[in-house]
Amino acid sequence: MTPTRLFSAPDSTAGSLRPDLPYGEVCAIHQPNLFPRLVTLAKLFAADYWIVLDDVQFARRDYQHRARLASLDGSWQPQWLSISTRLPYGRSTSIRGARLADPIRCRRRVVQLLADHYRHSAYWPSFKRGLEPVLAAFESTDRLADVTELSTRLLLEEVGWRGQILHSSDLLAPGERSQRLADLAWLTGATTYLCGTGGMRYLDPAAFRVHSIEVLPFQARGSSIWASAREVSAVHALMLVGSGALGRELEALRGRVLEDDPRSGA
């Protein structure tokens, strides 16, 4: 059955009128990650909406099915929390096509490793309660993307994000790489696209200029919690400082990043 598409791009969107859609002006596009790194969470938090890039090829060396955890006192080496994943179509399997290989075993591993690392945090009891919908998903679905997106939603809710979530699989934007990202941002009405340091190495800003979309480099910087922001799951920072303090940190970072947007008039 052909999937329902929310919107589709015309053959050429150059010079077309920007869609008047209610999601906001600042867009982030990122694959669903398992308990994402702090730098990823911060980028999503800074956006008005997140387009979940769920129909691109699954990559085992990425963070789509795994997260790195670190002990609160720094006494342990960071440890991978990985979810066993089955790819029905081999290497060409998309993220939304990836399946949990052993959901019950994966659920036990998530609970065990998170508790091993963070049960001594004052913020663990509250986080553990919020974790229940993520754990329940292991019993109701075998889709990896459902679980990983829920894990990201949990962290965004913990820090008070008020944005919206869309999915690339619901949007008809058939281009490749930069062109596709630009079309996804245009289709949903963005005027600013947040791009992480990794993406800036390959992104072609010209594809966005055609749509009058500003590409804004996103760099996480601030207090000491950012020291491992590119390697360790944001759960670590949450368990160190709590949701309130982390939310304020992310809000301050968002303000600094958006001040650098030429459209802000700053």
C-alpha atoms as a PDB file:
ATOM      1  CA  MET A   1       0.000   0.000   0.000  1.00  0.00           C
ATOM      2  CA  THR A   2       1.342   3.443  -0.919  1.00  0.00           C
ATOM      3  CA  PRO A   3       2.020   5.527   2.211  1.00  0.00           C
ATOM      4  CA  THR A   4       0.000   8.689   2.717  1.00  0.00           C
ATOM      5  CA  ARG A   5       2.070  11.822   2.095  1.00  0.00           C
ATOM      6  CA  LEU A   6       1.368  14.995   4.030  1.00  0.00           C
ATOM      7  CA  PHE A   7       2.848  17.240   1.359  1.00  0.00           C
ATOM      8  CA  SER A   8       4.768  16.891  -1.872  1.00  0.00           C
ATOM      9  CA  ALA A   9       7.290  19.119  -3.560  1.00  0.00           C
ATOM     10  CA  PRO A  10       6.717  20.352  -7.104  1.00  0.00           C
ATOM     11  CA  ASP A  11       9.283  19.381  -9.734  1.00  0.00           C
ATOM     12  CA  SER A  12      11.087  22.636  -9.034  1.00  0.00           C
ATOM     13  CA  THR A  13      10.505  24.757  -5.956  1.00  0.00           C
ATOM     14  CA  ALA A  14      12.813  27.565  -7.051  1.00  0.00           C
ATOM     15  CA  GLY A  15      10.908  30.816  -6.900  1.00  0.00           C
ATOM     16  CA  SER A  16       7.802  29.167  -5.439  1.00  0.00           C
ATOM     17  CA  LEU A  17       5.897  30.789  -2.609  1.00  0.00           C
ATOM     18  CA  ARG A  18       6.874  29.496   0.804  1.00  0.00           C
ATOM     19  CA  PRO A  19       4.187  27.288   2.395  1.00  0.00           C
ATOM     20  CA  ASP A  20       2.261  28.976   5.180  1.00  0.00           C
ATOM     21  CA  LEU A  21       2.427  26.146   7.710  1.00  0.00           C
ATOM     22  CA  PRO A  22       2.188  26.331  11.495  1.00  0.00           C
ATOM     23  CA  TYR A  23       5.311  24.486  12.615  1.00  0.00           C
ATOM     24  CA  GLY A  24       7.574  27.511  13.134  1.00  0.00           C
ATOM     25  CA  GLU A  25      10.581  29.005  11.394  1.00  0.00           C
ATOM     26  CA  VAL A  26      13.521  27.021  12.775  1.00  0.00           C
ATOM     27  CA  CYS A  27      13.870  23.432  11.582  1.00  0.00           C
ATOM     28  CA  ALA A  28      16.141  20.550  12.603  1.00  0.00           C
ATOM     29  CA  ILE A  29      16.334  17.299  10.626  1.00  0.00           C
ATOM     30  CA  HIS A  30      17.927  14.280  12.290  1.00  0.00           C
ATOM     31  CA  GLN A  31      17.673  10.500  12.410  1.00  0.00           C
ATOM     32  CA  PRO A  32      15.956   8.969  15.441  1.00  0.00           C
ATOM     33  CA  ASN A  33      18.717   8.093  17.925  1.00  0.00           C
ATOM     34  CA  LEU A  34      18.652   5.951  21.046  1.00  0.00           C
ATOM     35  CA  PHE A  35      18.890   8.337  24.028  1.00  0.00           C
ATOM     36  CA  PRO A  36      20.730  10.871  21.853  1.00  0.00           C
ATOM     37  CA  ARG A  37      23.929  12.655  22.705  1.00  0.00           C
ATOM     38  CA  LEU A  38      23.652  16.000  24.451  1.00  0.00           C
ATOM     39  CA  VAL A  39      24.806  17.871  21.332  1.00  0.00           C
ATOM     40  CA  THR A  40      21.975  16.262  19.330  1.00  0.00           C
ATOM     41  CA  LEU A  41      19.374  16.942  22.005  1.00  0.00           C
ATOM     42  CA  ALA A  42      20.507  20.578  22.165  1.00  0.00           C
ATOM     43  CA  LYS A  43      20.082  21.006  18.402  1.00  0.00           C
ATOM     44  CA  LEU A  44      16.567  19.559  18.495  1.00  0.00           C
ATOM     45  CA  PHE A  45      15.689  21.716  21.508  1.00  0.00           C
ATOM     46  CA  ALA A  46      16.800  24.847  19.643  1.00  0.00           C
ATOM     47  CA  ALA A  47      14.421  24.089  16.767  1.00  0.00           C
ATOM     48  CA  ASP A  48      10.735  24.926  16.516  1.00  0.00           C
ATOM     49  CA  TYR A  49      10.214  21.488  15.004  1.00  0.00           C
ATOM     50  CA  TRP A  50      12.105  18.279  14.344  1.00  0.00           C
ATOM     51  CA  ILE A  51      11.732  16.300  11.136  1.00  0.00           C
ATOM     52  CA  VAL A  52      12.587  12.718  12.046  1.00  0.00           C
ATOM     53  CA  LEU A  53      14.720  11.421   9.158  1.00  0.00           C
ATOM     54  CA  ASP A  54      13.369   7.891   9.304  1.00  0.00           C
ATOM     55  CA  ASP A  55      13.478   6.758   5.670  1.00  0.00           C
ATOM     56  CA  VAL A  56      17.227   6.887   5.017  1.00  0.00           C
ATOM     57  CA  GLN A  57      19.549   3.877   5.178  1.00  0.00           C
ATOM     58  CA  PHE A  58      20.222   2.411   8.607  1.00  0.00           C
ATOM     59  CA  ALA A  59      23.881   2.734   9.667  1.00  0.00           C
ATOM     60  CA  ARG A  60      25.257   0.357  12.302  1.00  0.00           C
ATOM     61  CA  ARG A  61      28.181   2.641  13.136  1.00  0.00           C
ATOM     62  CA  ASP A  62      25.895   5.551  13.931  1.00  0.00           C
ATOM     63  CA  TYR A  63      23.740   6.241  17.000  1.00  0.00           C
ATOM     64  CA  GLN A  64      20.464   4.922  15.601  1.00  0.00           C
ATOM     65  CA  HIS A  65      20.464   1.802  17.781  1.00  0.00           C
ATOM     66  CA  ARG A  66      22.991   2.644  20.486  1.00  0.00           C
ATOM     67  CA  ALA A  67      24.043   5.227  23.051  1.00  0.00           C
ATOM     68  CA  ARG A  68      27.194   5.715  25.084  1.00  0.00           C
ATOM     69  CA  LEU A  69      26.732   5.912  28.868  1.00  0.00           C
ATOM     70  CA  ALA A  70      29.214   7.264  31.406  1.00  0.00           C
ATOM     71  CA  SER A  71      29.308   6.895  35.190  1.00  0.00           C
ATOM     72  CA  LEU A  72      28.394   9.939  37.257  1.00  0.00           C
ATOM     73  CA  ASP A  73      31.745  10.076  39.057  1.00  0.00           C
ATOM     74  CA  GLY A  74      33.857   9.333  36.001  1.00  0.00           C
ATOM     75  CA  SER A  75      35.249   6.151  37.537  1.00  0.00           C
ATOM     76  CA  TRP A  76      34.121   3.894  34.654  1.00  0.00           C
ATOM     77  CA  GLN A  77      35.033   3.971  31.032  1.00  0.00           C
ATOM     78  CA  PRO A  78      32.027   4.977  28.880  1.00  0.00           C
ATOM     79  CA  GLN A  79      29.984   1.917  27.912  1.00  0.00           C
ATOM     80  CA  TRP A  80      27.796   1.261  24.876  1.00  0.00           C
ATOM     81  CA  LEU A  81      24.109   0.568  25.390  1.00  0.00           C
ATOM     82  CA  SER A  82      23.128  -1.195  22.168  1.00  0.00           C
ATOM     83  CA  ILE A  83      19.822  -2.599  20.933  1.00  0.00           C
ATOM     84  CA  SER A  84      20.112  -5.785  18.884  1.00  0.00           C
ATOM     85  CA  THR A  85      18.779  -4.941  15.447  1.00  0.00           C
ATOM     86  CA  ARG A  86      17.628  -7.035  12.489  1.00  0.00           C
ATOM     87  CA  LEU A  87      17.761  -5.651   8.945  1.00  0.00           C
ATOM     88  CA  PRO A  88      15.140  -7.444   6.777  1.00  0.00           C
ATOM     89  CA  TYR A  89      16.574  -6.022   3.537  1.00  0.00           C
ATOM     90  CA  GLY A  90      20.246  -6.200   4.417  1.00  0.00           C
ATOM     91  CA  ARG A  91      22.387  -3.083   4.209  1.00  0.00           C
ATOM     92  CA  SER A  92      19.737  -1.272   2.154  1.00  0.00           C
ATOM     93  CA  THR A  93      17.211  -1.427   5.034  1.00  0.00           C
ATOM     94  CA  SER A  94      15.912   1.988   6.025  1.00  0.00           C
ATOM     95  CA  ILE A  95      15.762   3.175   9.607  1.00  0.00           C
ATOM     96  CA  ARG A  96      11.998   2.731   9.710  1.00  0.00           C
ATOM     97  CA  GLY A  97      12.459  -0.779   8.287  1.00  0.00           C
ATOM     98  CA  ALA A  98      14.927  -1.913  10.977  1.00  0.00           C
ATOM     99  CA  ARG A  99      13.490  -4.345  13.512  1.00  0.00           C
ATOM    100  CA  LEU A 100      14.306  -5.285  17.104  1.00  0.00           C
ATOM    101  CA  ALA A 101      16.051  -8.666  17.083  1.00  0.00           C
ATOM    102  CA  ASP A 102      15.049  -9.641  20.636  1.00  0.00           C
ATOM    103  CA  PRO A 103      12.722  -7.007  22.171  1.00  0.00           C
ATOM    104  CA  ILE A 104      12.436  -8.536  25.654  1.00  0.00           C
ATOM    105  CA  ARG A 105      16.178  -8.999  26.023  1.00  0.00           C
ATOM    106  CA  CYS A 106      16.734  -5.460  24.712  1.00  0.00           C
ATOM    107  CA  ARG A 107      14.292  -4.091  27.265  1.00  0.00           C
ATOM    108  CA  ARG A 108      16.127  -5.817  30.112  1.00  0.00           C
ATOM    109  CA  ARG A 109      19.458  -4.460  28.880  1.00  0.00           C
ATOM    110  CA  VAL A 110      18.155  -0.885  28.691  1.00  0.00           C
ATOM    111  CA  VAL A 111      16.819  -1.052  32.245  1.00  0.00           C
ATOM    112  CA  GLN A 112      19.928  -2.726  33.618  1.00  0.00           C
ATOM    113  CA  LEU A 113      22.561  -0.472  32.073  1.00  0.00           C
ATOM    114  CA  LEU A 114      20.711   2.762  32.798  1.00  0.00           C
ATOM    115  CA  ALA A 115      20.217   1.690  36.415  1.00  0.00           C
ATOM    116  CA  ASP A 116      23.846   0.567  36.757  1.00  0.00           C
ATOM    117  CA  HIS A 117      25.062   3.992  35.677  1.00  0.00           C
ATOM    118  CA  TYR A 118      22.498   6.357  37.170  1.00  0.00           C
ATOM    119  CA  ARG A 119      20.491   4.813  40.028  1.00  0.00           C
ATOM    120  CA  HIS A 120      22.529   6.784  42.580  1.00  0.00           C
ATOM    121  CA  SER A 121      21.507  10.106  41.034  1.00  0.00           C
ATOM    122  CA  ALA A 122      18.942  12.149  42.930  1.00  0.00           C
ATOM    123  CA  TYR A 123      17.116  12.551  39.611  1.00  0.00           C
ATOM    124  CA  TRP A 124      16.923   8.840  38.786  1.00  0.00           C
ATOM    125  CA  PRO A 125      13.525   8.039  40.405  1.00  0.00           C
ATOM    126  CA  SER A 126      11.749  10.703  38.350  1.00  0.00           C
ATOM    127  CA  PHE A 127      13.534   9.706  35.155  1.00  0.00           C
ATOM    128  CA  LYS A 128      12.761   6.031  35.767  1.00  0.00           C
ATOM    129  CA  ARG A 129       9.050   6.837  35.948  1.00  0.00           C
ATOM    130  CA  GLY A 130       9.256   8.751  32.677  1.00  0.00           C
ATOM    131  CA  LEU A 131      11.076   5.816  31.115  1.00  0.00           C
ATOM    132  CA  GLU A 132       8.026   3.544  31.337  1.00  0.00           C
ATOM    133  CA  PRO A 133       6.530   4.411  27.889  1.00  0.00           C
ATOM    134  CA  VAL A 134       9.892   3.663  26.260  1.00  0.00           C
ATOM    135  CA  LEU A 135      10.134   0.296  28.003  1.00  0.00           C
ATOM    136  CA  ALA A 136       6.516  -0.508  27.168  1.00  0.00           C
ATOM    137  CA  ALA A 137       7.278   0.011  23.481  1.00  0.00           C
ATOM    138  CA  PHE A 138       9.528  -3.059  23.517  1.00  0.00           C
ATOM    139  CA  GLU A 139       6.390  -5.113  24.212  1.00  0.00           C
ATOM    140  CA  SER A 140       4.109  -3.414  21.676  1.00  0.00           C
ATOM    141  CA  THR A 141       6.315  -3.010  18.588  1.00  0.00           C
ATOM    142  CA  ASP A 142       9.339  -4.543  16.905  1.00  0.00           C
ATOM    143  CA  ARG A 143      10.197  -1.336  15.051  1.00  0.00           C
ATOM    144  CA  LEU A 144      13.512   0.108  16.185  1.00  0.00           C
ATOM    145  CA  ALA A 145      12.535   3.641  15.139  1.00  0.00           C
ATOM    146  CA  ASP A 146       9.470   3.600  17.415  1.00  0.00           C
ATOM    147  CA  VAL A 147      11.638   2.893  20.454  1.00  0.00           C
ATOM    148  CA  THR A 148      14.444   5.293  19.593  1.00  0.00           C
ATOM    149  CA  GLU A 149      12.093   8.159  18.769  1.00  0.00           C
ATOM    150  CA  LEU A 150      10.318   7.616  22.089  1.00  0.00           C
ATOM    151  CA  SER A 151      13.659   7.756  23.905  1.00  0.00           C
ATOM    152  CA  THR A 152      14.354  11.144  22.306  1.00  0.00           C
ATOM    153  CA  ARG A 153      10.841  12.401  23.020  1.00  0.00           C
ATOM    154  CA  LEU A 154      11.347  11.488  26.679  1.00  0.00           C
ATOM    155  CA  LEU A 155      14.514  13.586  26.921  1.00  0.00           C
ATOM    156  CA  LEU A 156      12.914  16.523  25.097  1.00  0.00           C
ATOM    157  CA  GLU A 157       9.931  16.408  27.449  1.00  0.00           C
ATOM    158  CA  GLU A 158      12.224  16.253  30.474  1.00  0.00           C
ATOM    159  CA  VAL A 159      13.888  19.547  29.477  1.00  0.00           C
ATOM    160  CA  GLY A 160      10.627  21.270  28.561  1.00  0.00           C
ATOM    161  CA  TRP A 161      10.762  21.383  24.751  1.00  0.00           C
ATOM    162  CA  ARG A 162       7.518  22.670  23.266  1.00  0.00           C
ATOM    163  CA  GLY A 163       8.146  21.983  19.590  1.00  0.00           C
ATOM    164  CA  GLN A 164       6.515  19.632  17.108  1.00  0.00           C
ATOM    165  CA  ILE A 165       7.653  16.416  15.431  1.00  0.00           C
ATOM    166  CA  LEU A 166       7.199  15.428  11.778  1.00  0.00           C
ATOM    167  CA  HIS A 167       8.563  12.482   9.787  1.00  0.00           C
ATOM    168  CA  SER A 168      10.424  12.538   6.492  1.00  0.00           C
ATOM    169  CA  SER A 169       8.587   9.367   5.439  1.00  0.00           C
ATOM    170  CA  ASP A 170       5.360  11.406   5.388  1.00  0.00           C
ATOM    171  CA  LEU A 171       6.857  14.061   3.092  1.00  0.00           C
ATOM    172  CA  LEU A 172       7.495  13.612  -0.603  1.00  0.00           C
ATOM    173  CA  ALA A 173      10.942  15.086  -1.190  1.00  0.00           C
ATOM    174  CA  PRO A 174      12.768  12.716  -3.541  1.00  0.00           C
ATOM    175  CA  GLY A 175      16.108  14.529  -3.894  1.00  0.00           C
ATOM    176  CA  GLU A 176      19.457  13.409  -2.528  1.00  0.00           C
ATOM    177  CA  ARG A 177      21.554  14.688   0.383  1.00  0.00           C
ATOM    178  CA  SER A 178      21.516  18.494   0.620  1.00  0.00           C
ATOM    179  CA  GLN A 179      18.740  18.911  -1.945  1.00  0.00           C
ATOM    180  CA  ARG A 180      16.436  16.610  -0.027  1.00  0.00           C
ATOM    181  CA  LEU A 181      17.102  18.301   3.306  1.00  0.00           C
ATOM    182  CA  ALA A 182      16.471  21.687   1.713  1.00  0.00           C
ATOM    183  CA  ASP A 183      13.206  20.470   0.180  1.00  0.00           C
ATOM    184  CA  LEU A 184      12.059  18.981   3.492  1.00  0.00           C
ATOM    185  CA  ALA A 185      12.750  22.274   5.243  1.00  0.00           C
ATOM    186  CA  TRP A 186      10.968  24.232   2.474  1.00  0.00           C
ATOM    187  CA  LEU A 187       7.934  21.933   2.430  1.00  0.00           C
ATOM    188  CA  THR A 188       7.359  22.543   6.114  1.00  0.00           C
ATOM    189  CA  GLY A 189       7.821  26.311   5.991  1.00  0.00           C
ATOM    190  CA  ALA A 190      11.257  26.759   7.583  1.00  0.00           C
ATOM    191  CA  THR A 191      13.231  29.959   7.202  1.00  0.00           C
ATOM    192  CA  THR A 192      16.232  28.657   9.184  1.00  0.00           C
ATOM    193  CA  TYR A 193      17.830  25.208   9.108  1.00  0.00           C
ATOM    194  CA  LEU A 194      19.977  24.172  12.071  1.00  0.00           C
ATOM    195  CA  CYS A 195      23.000  22.151  10.981  1.00  0.00           C
ATOM    196  CA  GLY A 196      25.440  20.374  13.298  1.00  0.00           C
ATOM    197  CA  THR A 197      29.200  20.462  12.819  1.00  0.00           C
ATOM    198  CA  GLY A 198      29.188  17.034  11.145  1.00  0.00           C
ATOM    199  CA  GLY A 199      26.544  18.065   8.638  1.00  0.00           C
ATOM    200  CA  MET A 200      28.387  21.276   7.769  1.00  0.00           C
ATOM    201  CA  ARG A 201      31.201  19.168   6.311  1.00  0.00           C
ATOM    202  CA  TYR A 202      29.030  17.909   3.460  1.00  0.00           C
ATOM    203  CA  LEU A 203      26.033  20.236   3.287  1.00  0.00           C
ATOM    204  CA  ASP A 204      25.630  22.409   0.184  1.00  0.00           C
ATOM    205  CA  PRO A 205      24.146  25.745   1.364  1.00  0.00           C
ATOM    206  CA  ALA A 206      23.260  26.622  -2.242  1.00  0.00           C
ATOM    207  CA  ALA A 207      20.412  24.085  -2.144  1.00  0.00           C
ATOM    208  CA  PHE A 208      18.914  26.057   0.753  1.00  0.00           C
ATOM    209  CA  ARG A 209      19.551  29.499  -0.759  1.00  0.00           C
ATOM    210  CA  VAL A 210      17.261  28.571  -3.656  1.00  0.00           C
ATOM    211  CA  HIS A 211      14.467  28.384  -1.061  1.00  0.00           C
ATOM    212  CA  SER A 212      15.649  31.491   0.849  1.00  0.00           C
ATOM    213  CA  ILE A 213      16.449  29.294   3.861  1.00  0.00           C
ATOM    214  CA  GLU A 214      19.346  30.310   6.082  1.00  0.00           C
ATOM    215  CA  VAL A 215      21.698  27.485   7.108  1.00  0.00           C
ATOM    216  CA  LEU A 216      22.697  28.168  10.705  1.00  0.00           C
ATOM    217  CA  PRO A 217      25.686  26.200  12.070  1.00  0.00           C
ATOM    218  CA  PHE A 218      24.880  24.724  15.472  1.00  0.00           C
ATOM    219  CA  GLN A 219      27.696  24.407  18.003  1.00  0.00           C
ATOM    220  CA  ALA A 220      27.157  23.357  21.605  1.00  0.00           C
ATOM    221  CA  ARG A 221      29.117  25.385  24.075  1.00  0.00           C
ATOM    222  CA  GLY A 222      28.653  26.476  27.658  1.00  0.00           C
ATOM    223  CA  SER A 223      29.280  24.980  31.105  1.00  0.00           C
ATOM    224  CA  SER A 224      31.260  21.866  31.999  1.00  0.00           C
ATOM    225  CA  ILE A 225      28.408  19.500  31.088  1.00  0.00           C
ATOM    226  CA  TRP A 226      29.331  20.048  27.417  1.00  0.00           C
ATOM    227  CA  ALA A 227      32.761  18.423  27.784  1.00  0.00           C
ATOM    228  CA  SER A 228      31.420  15.042  26.601  1.00  0.00           C
ATOM    229  CA  ALA A 229      28.405  16.355  24.686  1.00  0.00           C
ATOM    230  CA  ARG A 230      29.524  14.831  21.392  1.00  0.00           C
ATOM    231  CA  GLU A 231      30.176  11.344  22.791  1.00  0.00           C
ATOM    232  CA  VAL A 232      27.850  10.596  25.705  1.00  0.00           C
ATOM    233  CA  SER A 233      24.060  10.330  25.901  1.00  0.00           C
ATOM    234  CA  ALA A 234      22.198  13.362  27.223  1.00  0.00           C
ATOM    235  CA  VAL A 235      20.897  11.092  30.002  1.00  0.00           C
ATOM    236  CA  HIS A 236      24.285  11.636  31.663  1.00  0.00           C
ATOM    237  CA  ALA A 237      23.861  15.422  31.875  1.00  0.00           C
ATOM    238  CA  LEU A 238      20.246  14.990  32.974  1.00  0.00           C
ATOM    239  CA  MET A 239      21.305  12.751  35.854  1.00  0.00           C
ATOM    240  CA  LEU A 240      24.064  15.191  36.849  1.00  0.00           C
ATOM    241  CA  VAL A 241      22.093  18.444  37.010  1.00  0.00           C
ATOM    242  CA  GLY A 242      18.396  17.548  36.695  1.00  0.00           C
ATOM    243  CA  SER A 243      15.767  18.489  34.157  1.00  0.00           C
ATOM    244  CA  GLY A 244      15.251  22.059  35.344  1.00  0.00           C
ATOM    245  CA  ALA A 245      18.906  23.069  35.232  1.00  0.00           C
ATOM    246  CA  LEU A 246      19.504  21.259  31.940  1.00  0.00           C
ATOM    247  CA  GLY A 247      16.438  22.878  30.396  1.00  0.00           C
ATOM    248  CA  ARG A 248      17.707  26.328  31.391  1.00  0.00           C
ATOM    249  CA  GLU A 249      21.127  25.509  29.942  1.00  0.00           C
ATOM    250  CA  LEU A 250      19.584  24.436  26.642  1.00  0.00           C
ATOM    251  CA  GLU A 251      17.336  27.498  26.529  1.00  0.00           C
ATOM    252  CA  ALA A 252      20.338  29.783  27.042  1.00  0.00           C
ATOM    253  CA  LEU A 253      22.246  27.974  24.299  1.00  0.00           C
ATOM    254  CA  ARG A 254      19.261  28.278  21.972  1.00  0.00           C
ATOM    255  CA  GLY A 255      19.235  32.030  22.544  1.00  0.00           C
ATOM    256  CA  ARG A 256      22.930  32.354  21.746  1.00  0.00           C
ATOM    257  CA  VAL A 257      22.658  30.251  18.592  1.00  0.00           C
ATOM    258  CA  LEU A 258      19.644  32.102  17.206  1.00  0.00           C
ATOM    259  CA  GLU A 259      21.296  35.450  17.911  1.00  0.00           C
ATOM    260  CA  ASP A 260      23.855  34.403  15.269  1.00  0.00           C
ATOM    261  CA  ASP A 261      21.111  34.037  12.658  1.00  0.00           C
ATOM    262  CA  PRO A 262      21.441  36.943  10.184  1.00  0.00           C
ATOM    263  CA  ARG A 263      17.639  37.105  10.082  1.00  0.00           C
ATOM    264  CA  SER A 264      17.488  37.953  13.794  1.00  0.00           C
ATOM    265  CA  GLY A 265      18.748  41.475  13.237  1.00  0.00           C
ATOM    266  CA  ALA A 266      21.313  41.051  16.017  1.00  0.00           C
END
